[in-house]
């Protein structure tokens, strides 16, 4: 998922998708835009929100482009 919106909107969309019956991807790749200077401080909360869907591993790395994007790779293992 790569949307040019604030992380909360991306996560809202993800929540809506993952709560649909029969939808359970083995993994996810998300690009989160850091639209707010304080957004980086909220990344642990973002990871926890993703884990609530049953995913155990959430790895995040800052992307080089403008240093305002985070790539999150999410898996069960």
PDB file of N, CA and C in Angstrom:
ATOM      1  N   UNK A   1       0.853  -1.152   0.000  1.00  0.00           N
ATOM      2  CA  UNK A   1       0.000   0.000   0.000  1.00  0.00           C
ATOM      3  C   UNK A   1       0.907   1.225   0.000  1.00  0.00           C
ATOM      4  N   UNK A   2       0.655   2.099  -0.929  1.00  0.00           N
ATOM      5  CA  UNK A   2       1.440   3.328  -1.039  1.00  0.00           C
ATOM      6  C   UNK A   2       0.477   4.453  -1.378  1.00  0.00           C
ATOM      7  N   UNK A   3       0.101   5.200  -0.362  1.00  0.00           N
ATOM      8  CA  UNK A   3      -0.837   6.304  -0.556  1.00  0.00           C
ATOM      9  C   UNK A   3      -0.187   7.585  -0.067  1.00  0.00           C
ATOM     10  N   UNK A   4      -0.445   8.651  -0.754  1.00  0.00           N
ATOM     11  CA  UNK A   4       0.152   9.935  -0.408  1.00  0.00           C
ATOM     12  C   UNK A   4      -0.738  10.679   0.590  1.00  0.00           C
ATOM     13  N   UNK A   5      -0.933  10.048   1.741  1.00  0.00           N
ATOM     14  CA  UNK A   5      -1.765  10.609   2.800  1.00  0.00           C
ATOM     15  C   UNK A   5      -1.076  10.372   4.143  1.00  0.00           C
ATOM     16  N   UNK A   6      -1.603  10.983   5.173  1.00  0.00           N
ATOM     17  CA  UNK A   6      -1.057  10.800   6.515  1.00  0.00           C
ATOM     18  C   UNK A   6      -1.172   9.334   6.942  1.00  0.00           C
ATOM     19  N   UNK A   7      -0.257   8.861   7.787  1.00  0.00           N
ATOM     20  CA  UNK A   7      -0.273   7.455   8.205  1.00  0.00           C
ATOM     21  C   UNK A   7      -1.607   6.981   8.762  1.00  0.00           C
ATOM     22  N   UNK A   8      -2.324   7.833   9.491  1.00  0.00           N
ATOM     23  CA  UNK A   8      -3.610   7.394  10.046  1.00  0.00           C
ATOM     24  C   UNK A   8      -4.600   7.014   8.959  1.00  0.00           C
ATOM     25  N   UNK A   9      -4.607   7.743   7.857  1.00  0.00           N
ATOM     26  CA  UNK A   9      -5.507   7.393   6.749  1.00  0.00           C
ATOM     27  C   UNK A   9      -5.102   6.070   6.116  1.00  0.00           C
ATOM     28  N   UNK A  10      -3.811   5.860   5.965  1.00  0.00           N
ATOM     29  CA  UNK A  10      -3.327   4.580   5.426  1.00  0.00           C
ATOM     30  C   UNK A  10      -3.744   3.442   6.346  1.00  0.00           C
ATOM     31  N   UNK A  11      -3.572   3.632   7.643  1.00  0.00           N
ATOM     32  CA  UNK A  11      -3.930   2.590   8.600  1.00  0.00           C
ATOM     33  C   UNK A  11      -5.434   2.381   8.686  1.00  0.00           C
ATOM     34  N   UNK A  12      -6.217   3.429   8.527  1.00  0.00           N
ATOM     35  CA  UNK A  12      -7.680   3.274   8.490  1.00  0.00           C
ATOM     36  C   UNK A  12      -8.092   2.410   7.309  1.00  0.00           C
ATOM     37  N   UNK A  13      -7.474   2.646   6.159  1.00  0.00           N
ATOM     38  CA  UNK A  13      -7.767   1.849   4.964  1.00  0.00           C
ATOM     39  C   UNK A  13      -7.352   0.404   5.191  1.00  0.00           C
ATOM     40  N   UNK A  14      -6.185   0.210   5.781  1.00  0.00           N
ATOM     41  CA  UNK A  14      -5.710  -1.136   6.086  1.00  0.00           C
ATOM     42  C   UNK A  14      -6.659  -1.840   7.049  1.00  0.00           C
ATOM     43  N   UNK A  15      -7.106  -1.141   8.085  1.00  0.00           N
ATOM     44  CA  UNK A  15      -8.063  -1.717   9.033  1.00  0.00           C
ATOM     45  C   UNK A  15      -9.334  -2.178   8.315  1.00  0.00           C
ATOM     46  N   UNK A  16      -9.845  -1.336   7.433  1.00  0.00           N
ATOM     47  CA  UNK A  16     -11.071  -1.677   6.702  1.00  0.00           C
ATOM     48  C   UNK A  16     -10.861  -2.912   5.829  1.00  0.00           C
ATOM     49  N   UNK A  17      -9.711  -3.013   5.228  1.00  0.00           N
ATOM     50  CA  UNK A  17      -9.405  -4.163   4.368  1.00  0.00           C
ATOM     51  C   UNK A  17      -9.261  -5.439   5.189  1.00  0.00           C
ATOM     52  N   UNK A  18      -8.497  -5.368   6.264  1.00  0.00           N
ATOM     53  CA  UNK A  18      -8.188  -6.576   7.029  1.00  0.00           C
ATOM     54  C   UNK A  18      -9.342  -7.068   7.886  1.00  0.00           C
ATOM     55  N   UNK A  19     -10.385  -6.279   8.044  1.00  0.00           N
ATOM     56  CA  UNK A  19     -11.547  -6.735   8.800  1.00  0.00           C
ATOM     57  C   UNK A  19     -12.613  -7.354   7.893  1.00  0.00           C
ATOM     58  N   UNK A  20     -12.354  -7.409   6.595  1.00  0.00           N
ATOM     59  CA  UNK A  20     -13.270  -8.067   5.668  1.00  0.00           C
ATOM     60  C   UNK A  20     -13.132  -9.586   5.805  1.00  0.00           C
ATOM     61  N   UNK A  21     -14.236 -10.283   5.739  1.00  0.00           N
ATOM     62  CA  UNK A  21     -14.222 -11.740   5.857  1.00  0.00           C
ATOM     63  C   UNK A  21     -13.373 -12.361   4.753  1.00  0.00           C
ATOM     64  N   UNK A  22     -12.507 -13.271   5.138  1.00  0.00           N
ATOM     65  CA  UNK A  22     -11.694 -13.997   4.170  1.00  0.00           C
ATOM     66  C   UNK A  22     -10.450 -13.270   3.699  1.00  0.00           C
ATOM     67  N   UNK A  23     -10.193 -12.081   4.199  1.00  0.00           N
ATOM     68  CA  UNK A  23      -9.012 -11.323   3.782  1.00  0.00           C
ATOM     69  C   UNK A  23      -7.939 -11.496   4.843  1.00  0.00           C
ATOM     70  N   UNK A  24      -6.856 -12.161   4.449  1.00  0.00           N
ATOM     71  CA  UNK A  24      -5.736 -12.365   5.367  1.00  0.00           C
ATOM     72  C   UNK A  24      -4.445 -12.536   4.574  1.00  0.00           C
ATOM     73  N   UNK A  25      -3.853 -11.428   4.127  1.00  0.00           N
ATOM     74  CA  UNK A  25      -2.581 -11.530   3.410  1.00  0.00           C
ATOM     75  C   UNK A  25      -1.505 -12.109   4.328  1.00  0.00           C
ATOM     76  N   UNK A  26      -0.585 -12.884   3.751  1.00  0.00           N
ATOM     77  CA  UNK A  26       0.521 -13.445   4.532  1.00  0.00           C
ATOM     78  C   UNK A  26       1.480 -12.359   4.985  1.00  0.00           C
ATOM     79  N   UNK A  27       1.549 -11.303   4.220  1.00  0.00           N
ATOM     80  CA  UNK A  27       2.440 -10.204   4.565  1.00  0.00           C
ATOM     81  C   UNK A  27       1.970  -8.920   3.915  1.00  0.00           C
ATOM     82  N   UNK A  28       2.550  -7.829   4.360  1.00  0.00           N
ATOM     83  CA  UNK A  28       2.191  -6.509   3.849  1.00  0.00           C
ATOM     84  C   UNK A  28       3.455  -5.687   3.631  1.00  0.00           C
ATOM     85  N   UNK A  29       3.409  -4.805   2.654  1.00  0.00           N
ATOM     86  CA  UNK A  29       4.436  -3.792   2.470  1.00  0.00           C
ATOM     87  C   UNK A  29       3.703  -2.462   2.396  1.00  0.00           C
ATOM     88  N   UNK A  30       4.011  -1.590   3.345  1.00  0.00           N
ATOM     89  CA  UNK A  30       3.333  -0.305   3.443  1.00  0.00           C
ATOM     90  C   UNK A  30       4.342   0.822   3.342  1.00  0.00           C
ATOM     91  N   UNK A  31       3.983   1.878   2.655  1.00  0.00           N
ATOM     92  CA  UNK A  31       4.767   3.098   2.664  1.00  0.00           C
ATOM     93  C   UNK A  31       3.972   4.131   3.442  1.00  0.00           C
ATOM     94  N   UNK A  32       4.559   4.631   4.502  1.00  0.00           N
ATOM     95  CA  UNK A  32       3.896   5.615   5.350  1.00  0.00           C
ATOM     96  C   UNK A  32       4.567   6.964   5.168  1.00  0.00           C
ATOM     97  N   UNK A  33       3.792   7.953   4.813  1.00  0.00           N
ATOM     98  CA  UNK A  33       4.304   9.304   4.620  1.00  0.00           C
ATOM     99  C   UNK A  33       4.349  10.017   5.965  1.00  0.00           C
ATOM    100  N   UNK A  34       5.463  10.632   6.278  1.00  0.00           N
ATOM    101  CA  UNK A  34       5.594  11.386   7.524  1.00  0.00           C
ATOM    102  C   UNK A  34       5.205  12.835   7.242  1.00  0.00           C
ATOM    103  N   UNK A  35       3.908  13.076   7.202  1.00  0.00           N
ATOM    104  CA  UNK A  35       3.381  14.388   6.844  1.00  0.00           C
ATOM    105  C   UNK A  35       3.510  15.396   7.976  1.00  0.00           C
ATOM    106  N   UNK A  36       3.708  14.906   9.174  1.00  0.00           N
ATOM    107  CA  UNK A  36       3.813  15.748  10.360  1.00  0.00           C
ATOM    108  C   UNK A  36       5.203  15.530  10.967  1.00  0.00           C
ATOM    109  N   UNK A  37       5.909  16.586  11.352  1.00  0.00           N
ATOM    110  CA  UNK A  37       7.252  16.425  11.922  1.00  0.00           C
ATOM    111  C   UNK A  37       7.286  15.503  13.142  1.00  0.00           C
ATOM    112  N   UNK A  38       6.189  15.393  13.860  1.00  0.00           N
ATOM    113  CA  UNK A  38       6.141  14.544  15.046  1.00  0.00           C
ATOM    114  C   UNK A  38       5.683  13.122  14.750  1.00  0.00           C
ATOM    115  N   UNK A  39       5.427  12.804  13.489  1.00  0.00           N
ATOM    116  CA  UNK A  39       4.907  11.483  13.129  1.00  0.00           C
ATOM    117  C   UNK A  39       5.886  10.371  13.468  1.00  0.00           C
ATOM    118  N   UNK A  40       7.174  10.630  13.383  1.00  0.00           N
ATOM    119  CA  UNK A  40       8.170   9.593  13.676  1.00  0.00           C
ATOM    120  C   UNK A  40       8.061   9.117  15.124  1.00  0.00           C
ATOM    121  N   UNK A  41       7.680   9.998  16.011  1.00  0.00           N
ATOM    122  CA  UNK A  41       7.526   9.626  17.419  1.00  0.00           C
ATOM    123  C   UNK A  41       6.375   8.644  17.627  1.00  0.00           C
ATOM    124  N   UNK A  42       5.451   8.603  16.695  1.00  0.00           N
ATOM    125  CA  UNK A  42       4.269   7.749  16.824  1.00  0.00           C
ATOM    126  C   UNK A  42       4.442   6.384  16.148  1.00  0.00           C
ATOM    127  N   UNK A  43       5.614   6.104  15.599  1.00  0.00           N
ATOM    128  CA  UNK A  43       5.821   4.839  14.890  1.00  0.00           C
ATOM    129  C   UNK A  43       5.623   3.605  15.773  1.00  0.00           C
ATOM    130  N   UNK A  44       6.011   3.617  17.046  1.00  0.00           N
ATOM    131  CA  UNK A  44       5.692   2.446  17.880  1.00  0.00           C
ATOM    132  C   UNK A  44       4.187   2.193  17.984  1.00  0.00           C
ATOM    133  N   UNK A  45       3.397   3.249  18.035  1.00  0.00           N
ATOM    134  CA  UNK A  45       1.938   3.099  18.056  1.00  0.00           C
ATOM    135  C   UNK A  45       1.428   2.541  16.731  1.00  0.00           C
ATOM    136  N   UNK A  46       2.045   2.968  15.631  1.00  0.00           N
ATOM    137  CA  UNK A  46       1.678   2.464  14.308  1.00  0.00           C
ATOM    138  C   UNK A  46       1.949   0.956  14.245  1.00  0.00           C
ATOM    139  N   UNK A  47       3.123   0.548  14.712  1.00  0.00           N
ATOM    140  CA  UNK A  47       3.472  -0.873  14.707  1.00  0.00           C
ATOM    141  C   UNK A  47       2.487  -1.677  15.553  1.00  0.00           C
ATOM    142  N   UNK A  48       2.119  -1.152  16.704  1.00  0.00           N
ATOM    143  CA  UNK A  48       1.167  -1.850  17.566  1.00  0.00           C
ATOM    144  C   UNK A  48      -0.201  -1.961  16.909  1.00  0.00           C
ATOM    145  N   UNK A  49      -0.607  -0.937  16.213  1.00  0.00           N
ATOM    146  CA  UNK A  49      -1.901  -0.967  15.514  1.00  0.00           C
ATOM    147  C   UNK A  49      -1.914  -2.047  14.448  1.00  0.00           C
ATOM    148  N   UNK A  50      -0.809  -2.221  13.755  1.00  0.00           N
ATOM    149  CA  UNK A  50      -0.699  -3.277  12.739  1.00  0.00           C
ATOM    150  C   UNK A  50      -0.694  -4.647  13.407  1.00  0.00           C
ATOM    151  N   UNK A  51       0.017  -4.782  14.517  1.00  0.00           N
ATOM    152  CA  UNK A  51       0.093  -6.074  15.228  1.00  0.00           C
ATOM    153  C   UNK A  51      -1.282  -6.532  15.721  1.00  0.00           C
ATOM    154  N   UNK A  52      -2.182  -5.619  15.984  1.00  0.00           N
ATOM    155  CA  UNK A  52      -3.519  -5.998  16.456  1.00  0.00           C
ATOM    156  C   UNK A  52      -4.268  -6.866  15.443  1.00  0.00           C
ATOM    157  N   UNK A  53      -3.806  -6.867  14.212  1.00  0.00           N
ATOM    158  CA  UNK A  53      -4.428  -7.715  13.187  1.00  0.00           C
ATOM    159  C   UNK A  53      -3.817  -9.109  13.169  1.00  0.00           C
ATOM    160  N   UNK A  54      -2.954  -9.402  14.127  1.00  0.00           N
ATOM    161  CA  UNK A  54      -2.394 -10.744  14.246  1.00  0.00           C
ATOM    162  C   UNK A  54      -1.021 -10.914  13.624  1.00  0.00           C
ATOM    163  N   UNK A  55      -0.460  -9.852  13.098  1.00  0.00           N
ATOM    164  CA  UNK A  55       0.891  -9.937  12.536  1.00  0.00           C
ATOM    165  C   UNK A  55       1.901  -9.773  13.667  1.00  0.00           C
ATOM    166  N   UNK A  56       2.923 -10.632  13.663  1.00  0.00           N
ATOM    167  CA  UNK A  56       3.897 -10.606  14.748  1.00  0.00           C
ATOM    168  C   UNK A  56       5.113  -9.740  14.448  1.00  0.00           C
ATOM    169  N   UNK A  57       5.495  -9.645  13.193  1.00  0.00           N
ATOM    170  CA  UNK A  57       6.726  -8.927  12.854  1.00  0.00           C
ATOM    171  C   UNK A  57       6.397  -7.689  12.028  1.00  0.00           C
ATOM    172  N   UNK A  58       6.781  -6.546  12.553  1.00  0.00           N
ATOM    173  CA  UNK A  58       6.621  -5.267  11.850  1.00  0.00           C
ATOM    174  C   UNK A  58       7.988  -4.605  11.851  1.00  0.00           C
ATOM    175  N   UNK A  59       8.584  -4.518  10.682  1.00  0.00           N
ATOM    176  CA  UNK A  59       9.897  -3.874  10.562  1.00  0.00           C
ATOM    177  C   UNK A  59       9.737  -2.586   9.774  1.00  0.00           C
ATOM    178  N   UNK A  60      10.340  -1.533  10.278  1.00  0.00           N
ATOM    179  CA  UNK A  60      10.217  -0.224   9.625  1.00  0.00           C
ATOM    180  C   UNK A  60      11.593   0.351   9.352  1.00  0.00           C
ATOM    181  N   UNK A  61      11.703   0.956   8.166  1.00  0.00           N
ATOM    182  CA  UNK A  61      12.940   1.634   7.784  1.00  0.00           C
ATOM    183  C   UNK A  61      12.591   2.940   7.099  1.00  0.00           C
ATOM    184  N   UNK A  62      13.390   3.940   7.388  1.00  0.00           N
ATOM    185  CA  UNK A  62      13.206   5.229   6.731  1.00  0.00           C
ATOM    186  C   UNK A  62      13.719   5.127   5.300  1.00  0.00           C
ATOM    187  N   UNK A  63      12.935   5.617   4.358  1.00  0.00           N
ATOM    188  CA  UNK A  63      13.340   5.617   2.959  1.00  0.00           C
ATOM    189  C   UNK A  63      14.163   6.861   2.657  1.00  0.00           C
ATOM    190  N   UNK A  64      15.044   6.757   1.695  1.00  0.00           N
ATOM    191  CA  UNK A  64      15.968   7.849   1.375  1.00  0.00           C
ATOM    192  C   UNK A  64      15.264   9.060   0.772  1.00  0.00           C
ATOM    193  N   UNK A  65      14.195   8.840   0.031  1.00  0.00           N
ATOM    194  CA  UNK A  65      13.524   9.934  -0.653  1.00  0.00           C
ATOM    195  C   UNK A  65      12.997  10.962   0.343  1.00  0.00           C
ATOM    196  N   UNK A  66      13.560  12.135   0.342  1.00  0.00           N
ATOM    197  CA  UNK A  66      13.108  13.242   1.195  1.00  0.00           C
ATOM    198  C   UNK A  66      13.130  12.943   2.687  1.00  0.00           C
ATOM    199  N   UNK A  67      13.524  11.747   3.041  1.00  0.00           N
ATOM    200  CA  UNK A  67      13.541  11.324   4.449  1.00  0.00           C
ATOM    201  C   UNK A  67      12.190  11.526   5.125  1.00  0.00           C
ATOM    202  N   UNK A  68      11.121  11.482   4.356  1.00  0.00           N
ATOM    203  CA  UNK A  68       9.783  11.684   4.904  1.00  0.00           C
ATOM    204  C   UNK A  68       8.872  10.496   4.635  1.00  0.00           C
ATOM    205  N   UNK A  69       9.481   9.330   4.425  1.00  0.00           N
ATOM    206  CA  UNK A  69       8.698   8.116   4.195  1.00  0.00           C
ATOM    207  C   UNK A  69       9.309   6.967   4.985  1.00  0.00           C
ATOM    208  N   UNK A  70       8.425   6.121   5.456  1.00  0.00           N
ATOM    209  CA  UNK A  70       8.817   4.909   6.169  1.00  0.00           C
ATOM    210  C   UNK A  70       8.250   3.735   5.386  1.00  0.00           C
ATOM    211  N   UNK A  71       9.075   2.713   5.192  1.00  0.00           N
ATOM    212  CA  UNK A  71       8.593   1.464   4.610  1.00  0.00           C
ATOM    213  C   UNK A  71       8.419   0.465   5.746  1.00  0.00           C
ATOM    214  N   UNK A  72       7.238  -0.106   5.844  1.00  0.00           N
ATOM    215  CA  UNK A  72       6.963  -1.122   6.844  1.00  0.00           C
ATOM    216  C   UNK A  72       6.738  -2.451   6.141  1.00  0.00           C
ATOM    217  N   UNK A  73       7.484  -3.462   6.552  1.00  0.00           N
ATOM    218  CA  UNK A  73       7.301  -4.818   6.040  1.00  0.00           C
ATOM    219  C   UNK A  73       6.731  -5.635   7.196  1.00  0.00           C
ATOM    220  N   UNK A  74       5.603  -6.267   6.937  1.00  0.00           N
ATOM    221  CA  UNK A  74       4.823  -6.935   7.981  1.00  0.00           C
ATOM    222  C   UNK A  74       4.641  -8.398   7.609  1.00  0.00           C
ATOM    223  N   UNK A  75       4.972  -9.300   8.537  1.00  0.00           N
ATOM    224  CA  UNK A  75       4.798 -10.738   8.314  1.00  0.00           C
ATOM    225  C   UNK A  75       4.348 -11.420   9.599  1.00  0.00           C
ATOM    226  N   UNK A  76       3.944 -12.674   9.465  1.00  0.00           N
ATOM    227  CA  UNK A  76       3.555 -13.473  10.626  1.00  0.00           C
ATOM    228  C   UNK A  76       4.761 -14.067  11.334  1.00  0.00           C
ATOM    229  N   UNK A  77       5.834 -14.320  10.605  1.00  0.00           N
ATOM    230  CA  UNK A  77       6.986 -15.019  11.185  1.00  0.00           C
ATOM    231  C   UNK A  77       7.963 -14.066  11.811  1.00  0.00           C
TER     232      UNK A  77
END
